[in-house]
C-alpha atoms as a PDB file:
ATOM      1  CA  MET A   1     -58.095 -10.974   2.770  1.00  0.00           C
ATOM      2  CA  ARG A   2     -59.502 -12.378  -0.488  1.00  0.00           C
ATOM      3  CA  TRP A   3     -56.438 -14.623  -0.878  1.00  0.00           C
ATOM      4  CA  VAL A   4     -56.957 -16.016   2.632  1.00  0.00           C
ATOM      5  CA  PHE A   5     -60.584 -16.899   1.921  1.00  0.00           C
ATOM      6  CA  ARG A   6     -59.603 -18.662  -1.283  1.00  0.00           C
ATOM      7  CA  GLN A   7     -57.035 -20.722   0.553  1.00  0.00           C
ATOM      8  CA  ILE A   8     -59.702 -21.705   3.092  1.00  0.00           C
ATOM      9  CA  VAL A   9     -61.969 -22.797   0.217  1.00  0.00           C
ATOM     10  CA  TYR A  10     -59.154 -24.893  -1.267  1.00  0.00           C
ATOM     11  CA  LEU A  11     -58.600 -26.674   2.042  1.00  0.00           C
ATOM     12  CA  THR A  12     -62.343 -27.199   2.534  1.00  0.00           C
ATOM     13  CA  VAL A  13     -62.790 -28.639  -0.955  1.00  0.00           C
ATOM     14  CA  LEU A  14     -59.782 -30.857  -0.456  1.00  0.00           C
ATOM     15  CA  SER A  15     -61.315 -32.208   2.750  1.00  0.00           C
ATOM     16  CA  VAL A  16     -64.630 -32.838   0.969  1.00  0.00           C
ATOM     17  CA  GLY A  17     -62.805 -34.696  -1.821  1.00  0.00           C
ATOM     18  CA  TRP A  18     -60.945 -36.904   0.634  1.00  0.00           C
ATOM     19  CA  PHE A  19     -64.171 -37.675   2.490  1.00  0.00           C
ATOM     20  CA  GLY A  20     -65.909 -38.648  -0.743  1.00  0.00           C
ATOM     21  CA  LEU A  21     -62.941 -40.757  -1.773  1.00  0.00           C
ATOM     22  CA  VAL A  22     -63.049 -42.726   1.487  1.00  0.00           C
ATOM     23  CA  VAL A  23     -66.810 -43.255   1.186  1.00  0.00           C
ATOM     24  CA  GLY A  24     -66.426 -44.373  -2.428  1.00  0.00           C
ATOM     25  CA  CYS A  25     -63.718 -46.866  -1.568  1.00  0.00           C
ATOM     26  CA  SER A  26     -65.783 -48.406   1.220  1.00  0.00           C
ATOM     27  CA  SER A  27     -69.079 -48.610  -0.680  1.00  0.00           C
ATOM     28  CA  GLY A  28     -67.818 -49.258  -4.238  1.00  0.00           C
ATOM     29  CA  LYS A  29     -69.292 -45.974  -5.433  1.00  0.00           C
ATOM     30  CA  PHE A  30     -67.943 -42.497  -5.753  1.00  0.00           C
ATOM     31  CA  ALA A  31     -70.460 -39.701  -6.113  1.00  0.00           C
ATOM     32  CA  ALA A  32     -71.353 -36.588  -4.196  1.00  0.00           C
ATOM     33  CA  PRO A  33     -74.474 -34.442  -4.455  1.00  0.00           C
ATOM     34  CA  GLN A  34     -74.205 -30.985  -5.978  1.00  0.00           C
ATOM     35  CA  ALA A  35     -73.740 -28.277  -3.368  1.00  0.00           C
ATOM     36  CA  GLU A  36     -75.793 -25.116  -3.478  1.00  0.00           C
ATOM     37  CA  SER A  37     -72.738 -22.883  -3.132  1.00  0.00           C
ATOM     38  CA  GLY A  38     -71.468 -23.734  -6.636  1.00  0.00           C
ATOM     39  CA  LEU A  39     -68.941 -26.401  -5.552  1.00  0.00           C
ATOM     40  CA  HIS A  40     -69.205 -29.685  -7.485  1.00  0.00           C
ATOM     41  CA  VAL A  41     -67.340 -32.907  -6.758  1.00  0.00           C
ATOM     42  CA  LEU A  42     -67.252 -34.990  -9.929  1.00  0.00           C
ATOM     43  CA  GLN A  43     -66.834 -38.726 -10.359  1.00  0.00           C
ATOM     44  CA  PRO A  44     -63.178 -39.557 -11.074  1.00  0.00           C
ATOM     45  CA  ALA A  45     -64.121 -42.018 -13.866  1.00  0.00           C
ATOM     46  CA  GLN A  46     -66.106 -39.366 -15.752  1.00  0.00           C
ATOM     47  CA  PRO A  47     -64.192 -36.056 -15.732  1.00  0.00           C
ATOM     48  CA  GLN A  48     -65.999 -33.199 -17.421  1.00  0.00           C
ATOM     49  CA  SER A  49     -64.606 -30.433 -19.566  1.00  0.00           C
ATOM     50  CA  PRO A  50     -64.711 -26.941 -18.098  1.00  0.00           C
ATOM     51  CA  SER A  51     -67.590 -24.783 -19.236  1.00  0.00           C
ATOM     52  CA  PRO A  52     -66.905 -21.224 -20.473  1.00  0.00           C
ATOM     53  CA  SER A  53     -68.393 -19.811 -17.242  1.00  0.00           C
ATOM     54  CA  SER A  54     -66.356 -21.960 -14.838  1.00  0.00           C
ATOM     55  CA  THR A  55     -62.779 -22.258 -13.682  1.00  0.00           C
ATOM     56  CA  GLU A  56     -61.441 -25.803 -13.338  1.00  0.00           C
ATOM     57  CA  LEU A  57     -59.138 -26.371 -10.380  1.00  0.00           C
ATOM     58  CA  PRO A  58     -57.870 -29.986 -10.394  1.00  0.00           C
ATOM     59  CA  LEU A  59     -56.638 -30.847  -6.925  1.00  0.00           C
ATOM     60  CA  ARG A  60     -54.886 -34.006  -5.744  1.00  0.00           C
ATOM     61  CA  SER A  61     -55.471 -35.310  -2.272  1.00  0.00           C
ATOM     62  CA  SER A  62     -52.333 -36.048  -0.289  1.00  0.00           C
ATOM     63  CA  ALA A  63     -53.807 -39.465   0.502  1.00  0.00           C
ATOM     64  CA  GLU A  64     -54.190 -40.488  -3.153  1.00  0.00           C
ATOM     65  CA  VAL A  65     -50.593 -41.644  -3.520  1.00  0.00           C
ATOM     66  CA  GLY A  66     -51.003 -44.177  -0.753  1.00  0.00           C
ATOM     67  CA  LEU A  67     -54.409 -45.369  -2.003  1.00  0.00           C
ATOM     68  CA  GLY A  68     -53.387 -45.531  -5.651  1.00  0.00           C
ATOM     69  CA  GLN A  69     -56.485 -43.627  -6.722  1.00  0.00           C
ATOM     70  CA  SER A  70     -56.852 -41.075  -9.484  1.00  0.00           C
ATOM     71  CA  PRO A  71     -57.083 -37.387  -8.565  1.00  0.00           C
ATOM     72  CA  VAL A  72     -60.427 -35.799  -7.720  1.00  0.00           C
ATOM     73  CA  ASP A  73     -61.482 -32.957 -10.017  1.00  0.00           C
ATOM     74  CA  VAL A  74     -63.179 -29.995  -8.365  1.00  0.00           C
ATOM     75  CA  THR A  75     -65.084 -27.301 -10.200  1.00  0.00           C
ATOM     76  CA  ILE A  76     -65.526 -23.909  -8.513  1.00  0.00           C
ATOM     77  CA  SER A  77     -67.955 -21.786 -10.483  1.00  0.00           C
ATOM     78  CA  ASP A  78     -67.627 -18.067 -11.100  1.00  0.00           C
ATOM     79  CA  GLN A  79     -70.791 -17.606  -9.064  1.00  0.00           C
ATOM     80  CA  ALA A  80     -69.067 -19.182  -6.065  1.00  0.00           C
ATOM     81  CA  TRP A  81     -66.117 -16.809  -6.455  1.00  0.00           C
ATOM     82  CA  ARG A  82     -68.497 -13.854  -6.652  1.00  0.00           C
ATOM     83  CA  GLU A  83     -70.179 -14.993  -3.445  1.00  0.00           C
ATOM     84  CA  LEU A  84     -66.791 -15.268  -1.756  1.00  0.00           C
ATOM     85  CA  ASP A  85     -65.817 -11.796  -2.964  1.00  0.00           C
ATOM     86  CA  ALA A  86     -69.066 -10.392  -1.596  1.00  0.00           C
ATOM     87  CA  LEU A  87     -68.434 -12.157   1.710  1.00  0.00           C
ATOM     88  CA  VAL A  88     -64.921 -10.717   1.964  1.00  0.00           C
ATOM     89  CA  LEU A  89     -66.228  -7.222   1.158  1.00  0.00           C
ATOM     90  CA  GLY A  90     -69.023  -7.541   3.707  1.00  0.00           C
ATOM     91  CA  VAL A  91     -66.658  -8.673   6.457  1.00  0.00           C
ATOM     92  CA  SER A  92     -64.221  -5.847   5.779  1.00  0.00           C
ATOM     93  CA  GLN A  93     -67.003  -3.230   5.738  1.00  0.00           C
ATOM     94  CA  SER A  94     -68.485  -4.625   8.938  1.00  0.00           C
ATOM     95  CA  ALA A  95     -65.111  -4.521  10.677  1.00  0.00           C
ATOM     96  CA  SER A  96     -64.576  -0.942   9.528  1.00  0.00           C
ATOM     97  CA  THR A  97     -68.029   0.112  10.746  1.00  0.00           C
ATOM     98  CA  ASN A  98     -67.507  -1.529  14.134  1.00  0.00           C
ATOM     99  CA  PHE A  99     -64.158   0.221  14.505  1.00  0.00           C
ATOM    100  CA  VAL A 100     -65.697   3.609  13.775  1.00  0.00           C
ATOM    101  CA  GLN A 101     -68.595   2.977  16.156  1.00  0.00           C
ATOM    102  CA  LYS A 102     -66.259   1.953  18.959  1.00  0.00           C
ATOM    103  CA  SER A 103     -64.013   4.930  18.339  1.00  0.00           C
ATOM    104  CA  SER A 104     -66.769   7.510  18.057  1.00  0.00           C
ATOM    105  CA  PRO A 105     -67.349   8.041  21.826  1.00  0.00           C
ATOM    106  CA  ALA A 106     -63.699   8.876  22.377  1.00  0.00           C
ATOM    107  CA  GLN A 107     -63.650  11.236  19.400  1.00  0.00           C
ATOM    108  CA  HIS A 108     -66.656  13.209  20.660  1.00  0.00           C
ATOM    109  CA  VAL A 109     -65.752  13.667  24.335  1.00  0.00           C
ATOM    110  CA  SER A 110     -64.957  17.323  23.641  1.00  0.00           C
ATOM    111  CA  ASP A 111     -68.575  17.842  22.479  1.00  0.00           C
ATOM    112  CA  THR A 112     -70.065  16.916  25.861  1.00  0.00           C
ATOM    113  CA  VAL A 113     -70.939  19.579  28.432  1.00  0.00           C
ATOM    114  CA  TYR A 114     -67.928  18.596  30.508  1.00  0.00           C
ATOM    115  CA  GLY A 115     -65.643  18.639  27.468  1.00  0.00           C
ATOM    116  CA  ARG A 116     -66.789  22.079  26.379  1.00  0.00           C
ATOM    117  CA  LEU A 117     -66.387  23.521  29.860  1.00  0.00           C
ATOM    118  CA  MET A 118     -62.909  22.056  30.293  1.00  0.00           C
ATOM    119  CA  ARG A 119     -61.857  23.480  26.945  1.00  0.00           C
ATOM    120  CA  TYR A 120     -63.173  26.866  28.102  1.00  0.00           C
ATOM    121  CA  PHE A 121     -61.363  26.561  31.434  1.00  0.00           C
ATOM    122  CA  ASP A 122     -58.078  25.680  29.722  1.00  0.00           C
ATOM    123  CA  ASP A 123     -58.431  28.881  27.717  1.00  0.00           C
ATOM    124  CA  TRP A 124     -59.129  31.076  30.752  1.00  0.00           C
ATOM    125  CA  GLN A 125     -57.111  29.336  33.456  1.00  0.00           C
ATOM    126  CA  GLY A 126     -54.868  31.759  35.343  1.00  0.00           C
ATOM    127  CA  THR A 127     -56.663  34.893  34.151  1.00  0.00           C
ATOM    128  CA  PRO A 128     -56.423  37.413  37.021  1.00  0.00           C
ATOM    129  CA  TYR A 129     -59.482  38.563  38.934  1.00  0.00           C
ATOM    130  CA  ARG A 130     -60.747  42.074  38.337  1.00  0.00           C
ATOM    131  CA  TYR A 131     -64.053  43.344  39.635  1.00  0.00           C
ATOM    132  CA  GLY A 132     -66.203  44.360  36.650  1.00  0.00           C
ATOM    133  CA  GLY A 133     -63.727  42.834  34.185  1.00  0.00           C
ATOM    134  CA  ASN A 134     -64.760  40.616  31.295  1.00  0.00           C
ATOM    135  CA  SER A 135     -61.558  39.935  29.344  1.00  0.00           C
ATOM    136  CA  LYS A 136     -58.264  38.068  29.593  1.00  0.00           C
ATOM    137  CA  ARG A 137     -56.778  41.137  31.272  1.00  0.00           C
ATOM    138  CA  GLY A 138     -59.085  40.540  34.206  1.00  0.00           C
ATOM    139  CA  VAL A 139     -62.479  38.933  34.856  1.00  0.00           C
ATOM    140  CA  ASP A 140     -64.882  38.589  37.768  1.00  0.00           C
ATOM    141  CA  CYS A 141     -66.972  35.547  38.697  1.00  0.00           C
ATOM    142  CA  SER A 142     -70.258  36.481  36.999  1.00  0.00           C
ATOM    143  CA  ALA A 143     -68.507  37.541  33.779  1.00  0.00           C
ATOM    144  CA  LEU A 144     -66.677  34.185  33.627  1.00  0.00           C
ATOM    145  CA  VAL A 145     -70.042  32.390  33.867  1.00  0.00           C
ATOM    146  CA  GLN A 146     -71.715  34.722  31.377  1.00  0.00           C
ATOM    147  CA  ILE A 147     -68.980  34.317  28.755  1.00  0.00           C
ATOM    148  CA  ALA A 148     -68.849  30.529  29.215  1.00  0.00           C
ATOM    149  CA  TYR A 149     -72.567  30.116  28.533  1.00  0.00           C
ATOM    150  CA  ALA A 150     -72.514  32.495  25.578  1.00  0.00           C
ATOM    151  CA  ARG A 151     -69.551  30.844  23.848  1.00  0.00           C
ATOM    152  CA  GLN A 152     -70.092  27.198  24.703  1.00  0.00           C
ATOM    153  CA  PHE A 153     -73.895  26.909  24.767  1.00  0.00           C
ATOM    154  CA  GLN A 154     -75.134  30.044  22.958  1.00  0.00           C
ATOM    155  CA  ILE A 155     -77.134  31.094  26.036  1.00  0.00           C
ATOM    156  CA  ASN A 156     -77.223  34.770  26.993  1.00  0.00           C
ATOM    157  CA  LEU A 157     -77.162  35.410  30.733  1.00  0.00           C
ATOM    158  CA  PRO A 158     -77.473  38.641  32.704  1.00  0.00           C
ATOM    159  CA  ARG A 159     -74.230  40.278  33.765  1.00  0.00           C
ATOM    160  CA  THR A 160     -74.505  40.204  37.561  1.00  0.00           C
ATOM    161  CA  THR A 161     -74.553  37.303  40.030  1.00  0.00           C
ATOM    162  CA  GLU A 162     -77.805  38.517  41.546  1.00  0.00           C
ATOM    163  CA  LEU A 163     -79.604  38.428  38.174  1.00  0.00           C
ATOM    164  CA  GLN A 164     -78.047  35.109  37.197  1.00  0.00           C
ATOM    165  CA  ARG A 165     -79.605  33.560  40.308  1.00  0.00           C
ATOM    166  CA  ARG A 166     -83.020  34.113  38.724  1.00  0.00           C
ATOM    167  CA  GLN A 167     -82.194  32.007  35.664  1.00  0.00           C
ATOM    168  CA  GLY A 168     -82.933  28.314  35.146  1.00  0.00           C
ATOM    169  CA  LYS A 169     -84.372  26.110  37.857  1.00  0.00           C
ATOM    170  CA  PRO A 170     -83.082  25.138  41.321  1.00  0.00           C
ATOM    171  CA  VAL A 171     -81.341  21.786  41.738  1.00  0.00           C
ATOM    172  CA  LYS A 172     -80.387  19.871  44.866  1.00  0.00           C
ATOM    173  CA  ARG A 173     -76.730  19.611  45.737  1.00  0.00           C
ATOM    174  CA  SER A 174     -76.971  15.814  45.624  1.00  0.00           C
ATOM    175  CA  GLN A 175     -78.209  15.984  42.013  1.00  0.00           C
ATOM    176  CA  LEU A 176     -75.614  18.327  40.508  1.00  0.00           C
ATOM    177  CA  LYS A 177     -74.510  17.856  36.901  1.00  0.00           C
ATOM    178  CA  ALA A 178     -71.802  19.423  34.771  1.00  0.00           C
ATOM    179  CA  GLY A 179     -72.920  22.886  33.709  1.00  0.00           C
ATOM    180  CA  ASP A 180     -74.973  23.736  36.804  1.00  0.00           C
ATOM    181  CA  VAL A 181     -74.215  27.199  38.187  1.00  0.00           C
ATOM    182  CA  LEU A 182     -73.261  27.294  41.865  1.00  0.00           C
ATOM    183  CA  PHE A 183     -73.924  30.305  44.101  1.00  0.00           C
ATOM    184  CA  PHE A 184     -72.250  31.167  47.380  1.00  0.00           C
ATOM    185  CA  LYS A 185     -72.875  33.835  49.980  1.00  0.00           C
ATOM    186  CA  THR A 186     -69.423  35.173  50.804  1.00  0.00           C
ATOM    187  CA  GLY A 187     -70.452  38.222  52.849  1.00  0.00           C
ATOM    188  CA  TRP A 188     -73.381  40.074  54.301  1.00  0.00           C
ATOM    189  CA  ARG A 189     -74.409  41.412  50.889  1.00  0.00           C
ATOM    190  CA  THR A 190     -71.884  39.785  48.555  1.00  0.00           C
ATOM    191  CA  TYR A 191     -72.276  36.693  46.407  1.00  0.00           C
ATOM    192  CA  HIS A 192     -70.007  34.510  44.338  1.00  0.00           C
ATOM    193  CA  ASN A 193     -70.679  31.933  41.628  1.00  0.00           C
ATOM    194  CA  GLY A 194     -68.989  29.321  39.456  1.00  0.00           C
ATOM    195  CA  ILE A 195     -69.768  26.452  37.088  1.00  0.00           C
ATOM    196  CA  TYR A 196     -69.934  22.857  38.302  1.00  0.00           C
ATOM    197  CA  LEU A 197     -67.833  20.293  36.382  1.00  0.00           C
ATOM    198  CA  GLY A 198     -68.472  17.091  38.290  1.00  0.00           C
ATOM    199  CA  ASP A 199     -66.813  15.116  41.076  1.00  0.00           C
ATOM    200  CA  SER A 200     -67.366  18.106  43.451  1.00  0.00           C
ATOM    201  CA  ARG A 201     -65.181  20.383  41.292  1.00  0.00           C
ATOM    202  CA  PHE A 202     -66.173  23.762  39.863  1.00  0.00           C
ATOM    203  CA  MET A 203     -64.468  26.554  37.951  1.00  0.00           C
ATOM    204  CA  HIS A 204     -64.686  30.133  39.120  1.00  0.00           C
ATOM    205  CA  ALA A 205     -62.832  33.447  39.220  1.00  0.00           C
ATOM    206  CA  SER A 206     -61.320  33.632  42.688  1.00  0.00           C
ATOM    207  CA  SER A 207     -60.741  37.137  44.016  1.00  0.00           C
ATOM    208  CA  THR A 208     -57.256  36.083  45.175  1.00  0.00           C
ATOM    209  CA  LYS A 209     -56.119  33.449  42.642  1.00  0.00           C
ATOM    210  CA  GLY A 210     -57.964  34.311  39.454  1.00  0.00           C
ATOM    211  CA  VAL A 211     -59.595  31.605  37.312  1.00  0.00           C
ATOM    212  CA  ILE A 212     -59.051  28.271  39.049  1.00  0.00           C
ATOM    213  CA  LEU A 213     -60.731  24.979  39.954  1.00  0.00           C
ATOM    214  CA  SER A 214     -61.979  24.417  43.495  1.00  0.00           C
ATOM    215  CA  SER A 215     -63.844  21.667  45.321  1.00  0.00           C
ATOM    216  CA  LEU A 216     -67.212  21.793  47.038  1.00  0.00           C
ATOM    217  CA  SER A 217     -65.787  19.455  49.653  1.00  0.00           C
ATOM    218  CA  GLU A 218     -63.511  22.228  50.916  1.00  0.00           C
ATOM    219  CA  ASP A 219     -64.712  23.547  54.250  1.00  0.00           C
ATOM    220  CA  TYR A 220     -64.735  27.167  53.064  1.00  0.00           C
ATOM    221  CA  TRP A 221     -67.143  26.468  50.170  1.00  0.00           C
ATOM    222  CA  GLN A 222     -69.300  24.019  52.108  1.00  0.00           C
ATOM    223  CA  LYS A 223     -70.125  26.672  54.683  1.00  0.00           C
ATOM    224  CA  ARG A 224     -70.891  29.328  52.083  1.00  0.00           C
ATOM    225  CA  PHE A 225     -72.859  27.260  49.562  1.00  0.00           C
ATOM    226  CA  LEU A 226     -76.199  28.959  48.886  1.00  0.00           C
ATOM    227  CA  GLU A 227     -77.878  27.198  45.952  1.00  0.00           C
ATOM    228  CA  ALA A 228     -77.427  25.733  42.471  1.00  0.00           C
ATOM    229  CA  ARG A 229     -79.317  26.555  39.293  1.00  0.00           C
ATOM    230  CA  ARG A 230     -79.671  24.394  36.171  1.00  0.00           C
ATOM    231  CA  LEU A 231     -79.702  26.282  32.892  1.00  0.00           C
ATOM    232  CA  LEU A 232     -79.098  23.330  30.533  1.00  0.00           C
ATOM    233  CA  ASN A 233     -81.694  20.678  29.714  1.00  0.00           C
END
């Protein structure tokens, strides 16, 4: 990168020298004001010796052969090189920072509520249903919810569906977010629950299929939907 910037400076200085040469030929003079960046274009009739703190880079314009003029000496001070080095370093650091900032959202998807719940589901998917169970050998719906909140969000919930219904605050079905707990009335005195993931999907421990994903748009769950509770801020 530093080599590229130096080449750009060479080309720029060469262009400035050619411009000054043309102006000098047309007006009978050849002089250019000192630039603030440390670049000096000197008069061709009065070349100066390099100072201990400068690096002399004599350059010859490609047009000088045709014009029969003497070469234009260009002095690039050490200060100018230091400024270029700082510029190169700043550009590289800025590019690196932008890359990290653009990459960060993708790297932290697993830390979102949805990401944590999907990681939990992947771990429990296919676990068979067992009433009163709370392990990989068998789990029921309320235990699946209880374990998910304890492991993923460090929130302790009661063990039963009936007690879990008393936690958090109610939320409308049209305002559901990932992490909301859904409750269904599946019988005269029986209830079922699961955790909403988004896009009408929720995870739960089905009494016939074990831990699976289902959709609220399914007719069976639409008819039996009771309420939703929000336990996460």
